[in-house]
Amino acid sequence: MTTHLSLTADPSAEDLAVIATGLTGFNEIDAGPADRKPLAVFVRDEEGQIKAGISGYTAWGWLYVQWLWVDETLRGQGTAGRMLEAAEAEARSRGCHAAYIDTFNPVALKTYQRQGYVPFGELKDFPPGRTRTFLQKPLS
């Protein structure tokens, strides 16, 4: 078989789907089914506009919070904590035993630590001048 390597900054959704399907299949054979399910939490104003939210998923008994955003008009009011509590409760109902999240924002880091998340690793200068911290929390 002859192959060739190519690089692109604009991959097609179809090409990315091939990679995702291949890796998912490999991981299911190697580690067992992930039972991956999306999870989102939204805070909306009276007009229905999203003012804060969490996007992530549960898989292999873990909650992963991929994105957490709070509009500046709601910051400092406990919104992130309430959203995390809601996501964690849903993760528990799905059988998850732990959660993880990462951040390079010092304010967010303190917020997550107040919610019981504990650092387990970091990458310095990611992005430059910052440290990306990885945190985890038991849910049981």
C-alpha atoms as a PDB file:
ATOM      1  CA  MET A   1       0.000   0.000   0.000  1.00  0.00           C
ATOM      2  CA  THR A   2       1.300   3.429  -0.942  1.00  0.00           C
ATOM      3  CA  THR A   3       0.351   6.341   1.307  1.00  0.00           C
ATOM      4  CA  HIS A   4       1.102  10.047   1.387  1.00  0.00           C
ATOM      5  CA  LEU A   5       1.034  12.554   4.211  1.00  0.00           C
ATOM      6  CA  SER A   6      -0.833  15.834   3.864  1.00  0.00           C
ATOM      7  CA  LEU A   7      -1.310  18.789   6.193  1.00  0.00           C
ATOM      8  CA  THR A   8      -4.163  21.281   6.210  1.00  0.00           C
ATOM      9  CA  ALA A   9      -5.369  24.196   8.302  1.00  0.00           C
ATOM     10  CA  ASP A  10      -8.881  23.671   6.922  1.00  0.00           C
ATOM     11  CA  PRO A  11      -9.902  20.040   7.386  1.00  0.00           C
ATOM     12  CA  SER A  12     -13.340  19.008   6.193  1.00  0.00           C
ATOM     13  CA  ALA A  13     -15.962  17.841   8.681  1.00  0.00           C
ATOM     14  CA  GLU A  14     -16.030  14.529   6.821  1.00  0.00           C
ATOM     15  CA  ASP A  15     -12.274  13.999   7.204  1.00  0.00           C
ATOM     16  CA  LEU A  16     -12.416  14.823  10.916  1.00  0.00           C
ATOM     17  CA  ALA A  17     -15.319  12.392  11.296  1.00  0.00           C
ATOM     18  CA  VAL A  18     -13.140   9.595   9.873  1.00  0.00           C
ATOM     19  CA  ILE A  19     -10.528  10.250  12.568  1.00  0.00           C
ATOM     20  CA  ALA A  20     -13.168  10.472  15.319  1.00  0.00           C
ATOM     21  CA  THR A  21     -14.830   7.240  14.204  1.00  0.00           C
ATOM     22  CA  GLY A  22     -11.509   5.429  13.954  1.00  0.00           C
ATOM     23  CA  LEU A  23     -10.296   6.542  17.365  1.00  0.00           C
ATOM     24  CA  THR A  24     -13.653   5.867  19.005  1.00  0.00           C
ATOM     25  CA  GLY A  25     -13.645   2.350  17.607  1.00  0.00           C
ATOM     26  CA  PHE A  26     -10.076   1.727  18.749  1.00  0.00           C
ATOM     27  CA  ASN A  27     -10.769   3.088  22.246  1.00  0.00           C
ATOM     28  CA  GLU A  28     -13.903   0.975  22.657  1.00  0.00           C
ATOM     29  CA  ILE A  29     -11.894  -2.160  21.880  1.00  0.00           C
ATOM     30  CA  ASP A  30      -8.970  -1.028  24.059  1.00  0.00           C
ATOM     31  CA  ALA A  31     -10.743   0.543  27.069  1.00  0.00           C
ATOM     32  CA  GLY A  32     -14.394  -0.424  26.704  1.00  0.00           C
ATOM     33  CA  PRO A  33     -17.383   1.654  25.655  1.00  0.00           C
ATOM     34  CA  ALA A  34     -17.123   5.313  26.681  1.00  0.00           C
ATOM     35  CA  ASP A  35     -20.866   5.906  26.850  1.00  0.00           C
ATOM     36  CA  ARG A  36     -20.038   9.469  25.799  1.00  0.00           C
ATOM     37  CA  LYS A  37     -22.953  11.878  26.146  1.00  0.00           C
ATOM     38  CA  PRO A  38     -22.974  15.646  25.656  1.00  0.00           C
ATOM     39  CA  LEU A  39     -23.844  17.831  28.623  1.00  0.00           C
ATOM     40  CA  ALA A  40     -24.699  21.530  28.642  1.00  0.00           C
ATOM     41  CA  VAL A  41     -25.939  24.002  31.242  1.00  0.00           C
ATOM     42  CA  PHE A  42     -27.297  27.418  30.258  1.00  0.00           C
ATOM     43  CA  VAL A  43     -28.220  30.572  32.120  1.00  0.00           C
ATOM     44  CA  ARG A  44     -30.620  32.728  30.103  1.00  0.00           C
ATOM     45  CA  ASP A  45     -31.987  36.202  30.669  1.00  0.00           C
ATOM     46  CA  GLU A  46     -35.683  37.115  30.493  1.00  0.00           C
ATOM     47  CA  GLU A  47     -35.433  37.396  26.674  1.00  0.00           C
ATOM     48  CA  GLY A  48     -33.990  33.900  26.438  1.00  0.00           C
ATOM     49  CA  GLN A  49     -30.470  35.082  25.574  1.00  0.00           C
ATOM     50  CA  ILE A  50     -27.660  32.908  26.914  1.00  0.00           C
ATOM     51  CA  LYS A  51     -25.660  34.815  29.532  1.00  0.00           C
ATOM     52  CA  ALA A  52     -23.598  31.907  30.852  1.00  0.00           C
ATOM     53  CA  GLY A  53     -23.063  28.282  30.061  1.00  0.00           C
ATOM     54  CA  ILE A  54     -21.150  25.048  30.321  1.00  0.00           C
ATOM     55  CA  SER A  55     -20.442  22.661  27.479  1.00  0.00           C
ATOM     56  CA  GLY A  56     -18.860  19.290  28.028  1.00  0.00           C
ATOM     57  CA  TYR A  57     -19.593  15.600  28.134  1.00  0.00           C
ATOM     58  CA  THR A  58     -19.577  12.514  30.285  1.00  0.00           C
ATOM     59  CA  ALA A  59     -17.549   9.442  29.343  1.00  0.00           C
ATOM     60  CA  TRP A  60     -15.959   6.478  31.134  1.00  0.00           C
ATOM     61  CA  GLY A  61     -17.457   7.623  34.430  1.00  0.00           C
ATOM     62  CA  TRP A  62     -16.063  11.161  34.235  1.00  0.00           C
ATOM     63  CA  LEU A  63     -17.535  14.595  33.600  1.00  0.00           C
ATOM     64  CA  TYR A  64     -15.349  16.794  31.412  1.00  0.00           C
ATOM     65  CA  VAL A  65     -16.184  20.503  31.457  1.00  0.00           C
ATOM     66  CA  GLN A  66     -14.754  21.664  28.147  1.00  0.00           C
ATOM     67  CA  TRP A  67     -16.080  25.230  28.142  1.00  0.00           C
ATOM     68  CA  LEU A  68     -17.408  27.404  30.944  1.00  0.00           C
ATOM     69  CA  TRP A  69     -18.324  31.005  30.211  1.00  0.00           C
ATOM     70  CA  VAL A  70     -20.074  33.699  32.239  1.00  0.00           C
ATOM     71  CA  ASP A  71     -21.045  37.059  30.760  1.00  0.00           C
ATOM     72  CA  GLU A  72     -19.321  39.886  32.603  1.00  0.00           C
ATOM     73  CA  THR A  73     -22.700  41.181  33.861  1.00  0.00           C
ATOM     74  CA  LEU A  74     -23.085  37.966  35.911  1.00  0.00           C
ATOM     75  CA  ARG A  75     -19.506  37.468  37.089  1.00  0.00           C
ATOM     76  CA  GLY A  76     -18.855  37.463  40.819  1.00  0.00           C
ATOM     77  CA  GLN A  77     -22.399  36.296  41.639  1.00  0.00           C
ATOM     78  CA  GLY A  78     -21.795  32.563  42.019  1.00  0.00           C
ATOM     79  CA  THR A  79     -23.093  31.725  38.544  1.00  0.00           C
ATOM     80  CA  ALA A  80     -20.146  29.469  37.653  1.00  0.00           C
ATOM     81  CA  GLY A  81     -20.539  27.556  40.906  1.00  0.00           C
ATOM     82  CA  ARG A  82     -24.262  26.994  40.368  1.00  0.00           C
ATOM     83  CA  MET A  83     -23.652  25.793  36.822  1.00  0.00           C
ATOM     84  CA  LEU A  84     -20.914  23.420  37.966  1.00  0.00           C
ATOM     85  CA  GLU A  85     -23.204  22.032  40.670  1.00  0.00           C
ATOM     86  CA  ALA A  86     -25.923  21.390  38.072  1.00  0.00           C
ATOM     87  CA  ALA A  87     -23.458  19.691  35.697  1.00  0.00           C
ATOM     88  CA  GLU A  88     -22.019  17.584  38.524  1.00  0.00           C
ATOM     89  CA  ALA A  89     -25.508  16.502  39.656  1.00  0.00           C
ATOM     90  CA  GLU A  90     -26.347  15.390  36.114  1.00  0.00           C
ATOM     91  CA  ALA A  91     -23.000  13.586  35.855  1.00  0.00           C
ATOM     92  CA  ARG A  92     -23.732  11.735  39.096  1.00  0.00           C
ATOM     93  CA  SER A  93     -27.133  10.700  37.727  1.00  0.00           C
ATOM     94  CA  ARG A  94     -25.253   9.279  34.712  1.00  0.00           C
ATOM     95  CA  GLY A  95     -23.049   7.230  37.047  1.00  0.00           C
ATOM     96  CA  CYS A  96     -19.960   9.437  36.967  1.00  0.00           C
ATOM     97  CA  HIS A  97     -17.541   9.252  39.886  1.00  0.00           C
ATOM     98  CA  ALA A  98     -15.364  12.298  39.113  1.00  0.00           C
ATOM     99  CA  ALA A  99     -15.006  15.492  37.065  1.00  0.00           C
ATOM    100  CA  TYR A 100     -12.167  17.378  35.432  1.00  0.00           C
ATOM    101  CA  ILE A 101     -11.644  20.830  33.967  1.00  0.00           C
ATOM    102  CA  ASP A 102      -8.730  22.988  32.861  1.00  0.00           C
ATOM    103  CA  THR A 103      -8.079  26.719  32.758  1.00  0.00           C
ATOM    104  CA  PHE A 104      -5.361  29.290  32.206  1.00  0.00           C
ATOM    105  CA  ASN A 105      -7.358  32.065  33.881  1.00  0.00           C
ATOM    106  CA  PRO A 106      -6.288  32.794  37.503  1.00  0.00           C
ATOM    107  CA  VAL A 107      -9.806  33.931  38.501  1.00  0.00           C
ATOM    108  CA  ALA A 108     -11.391  30.788  37.073  1.00  0.00           C
ATOM    109  CA  LEU A 109      -8.746  28.676  38.839  1.00  0.00           C
ATOM    110  CA  LYS A 110      -9.813  30.111  42.208  1.00  0.00           C
ATOM    111  CA  THR A 111     -13.481  29.576  41.335  1.00  0.00           C
ATOM    112  CA  TYR A 112     -12.904  25.907  40.526  1.00  0.00           C
ATOM    113  CA  GLN A 113     -10.857  25.399  43.681  1.00  0.00           C
ATOM    114  CA  ARG A 114     -13.693  26.944  45.759  1.00  0.00           C
ATOM    115  CA  GLN A 115     -15.978  24.354  44.163  1.00  0.00           C
ATOM    116  CA  GLY A 116     -13.716  21.546  45.395  1.00  0.00           C
ATOM    117  CA  TYR A 117     -11.556  20.976  42.315  1.00  0.00           C
ATOM    118  CA  VAL A 118      -7.923  20.108  43.030  1.00  0.00           C
ATOM    119  CA  PRO A 119      -5.016  20.695  40.608  1.00  0.00           C
ATOM    120  CA  PHE A 120      -3.298  17.574  39.299  1.00  0.00           C
ATOM    121  CA  GLY A 121      -1.121  19.022  36.542  1.00  0.00           C
ATOM    122  CA  GLU A 122      -0.070  22.124  34.676  1.00  0.00           C
ATOM    123  CA  LEU A 123       1.502  23.348  31.467  1.00  0.00           C
ATOM    124  CA  LYS A 124       3.584  26.486  31.800  1.00  0.00           C
ATOM    125  CA  ASP A 125       3.435  29.119  29.035  1.00  0.00           C
ATOM    126  CA  PHE A 126       0.204  27.715  27.569  1.00  0.00           C
ATOM    127  CA  PRO A 127      -0.686  30.316  26.431  1.00  0.00           C
ATOM    128  CA  PRO A 128       2.554  32.329  26.694  1.00  0.00           C
ATOM    129  CA  GLY A 129       2.860  34.031  30.073  1.00  0.00           C
ATOM    130  CA  ARG A 130       0.120  31.861  31.608  1.00  0.00           C
ATOM    131  CA  THR A 131      -0.094  28.417  33.156  1.00  0.00           C
ATOM    132  CA  ARG A 132      -2.835  26.013  32.099  1.00  0.00           C
ATOM    133  CA  THR A 133      -3.940  24.110  35.196  1.00  0.00           C
ATOM    134  CA  PHE A 134      -5.779  20.790  35.097  1.00  0.00           C
ATOM    135  CA  LEU A 135      -8.126  20.090  38.003  1.00  0.00           C
ATOM    136  CA  GLN A 136     -10.212  17.154  39.179  1.00  0.00           C
ATOM    137  CA  LYS A 137     -12.957  16.547  41.711  1.00  0.00           C
ATOM    138  CA  PRO A 138     -14.498  13.361  43.087  1.00  0.00           C
ATOM    139  CA  LEU A 139     -18.270  13.283  42.619  1.00  0.00           C
ATOM    140  CA  SER A 140     -19.089  10.470  45.013  1.00  0.00           C
END
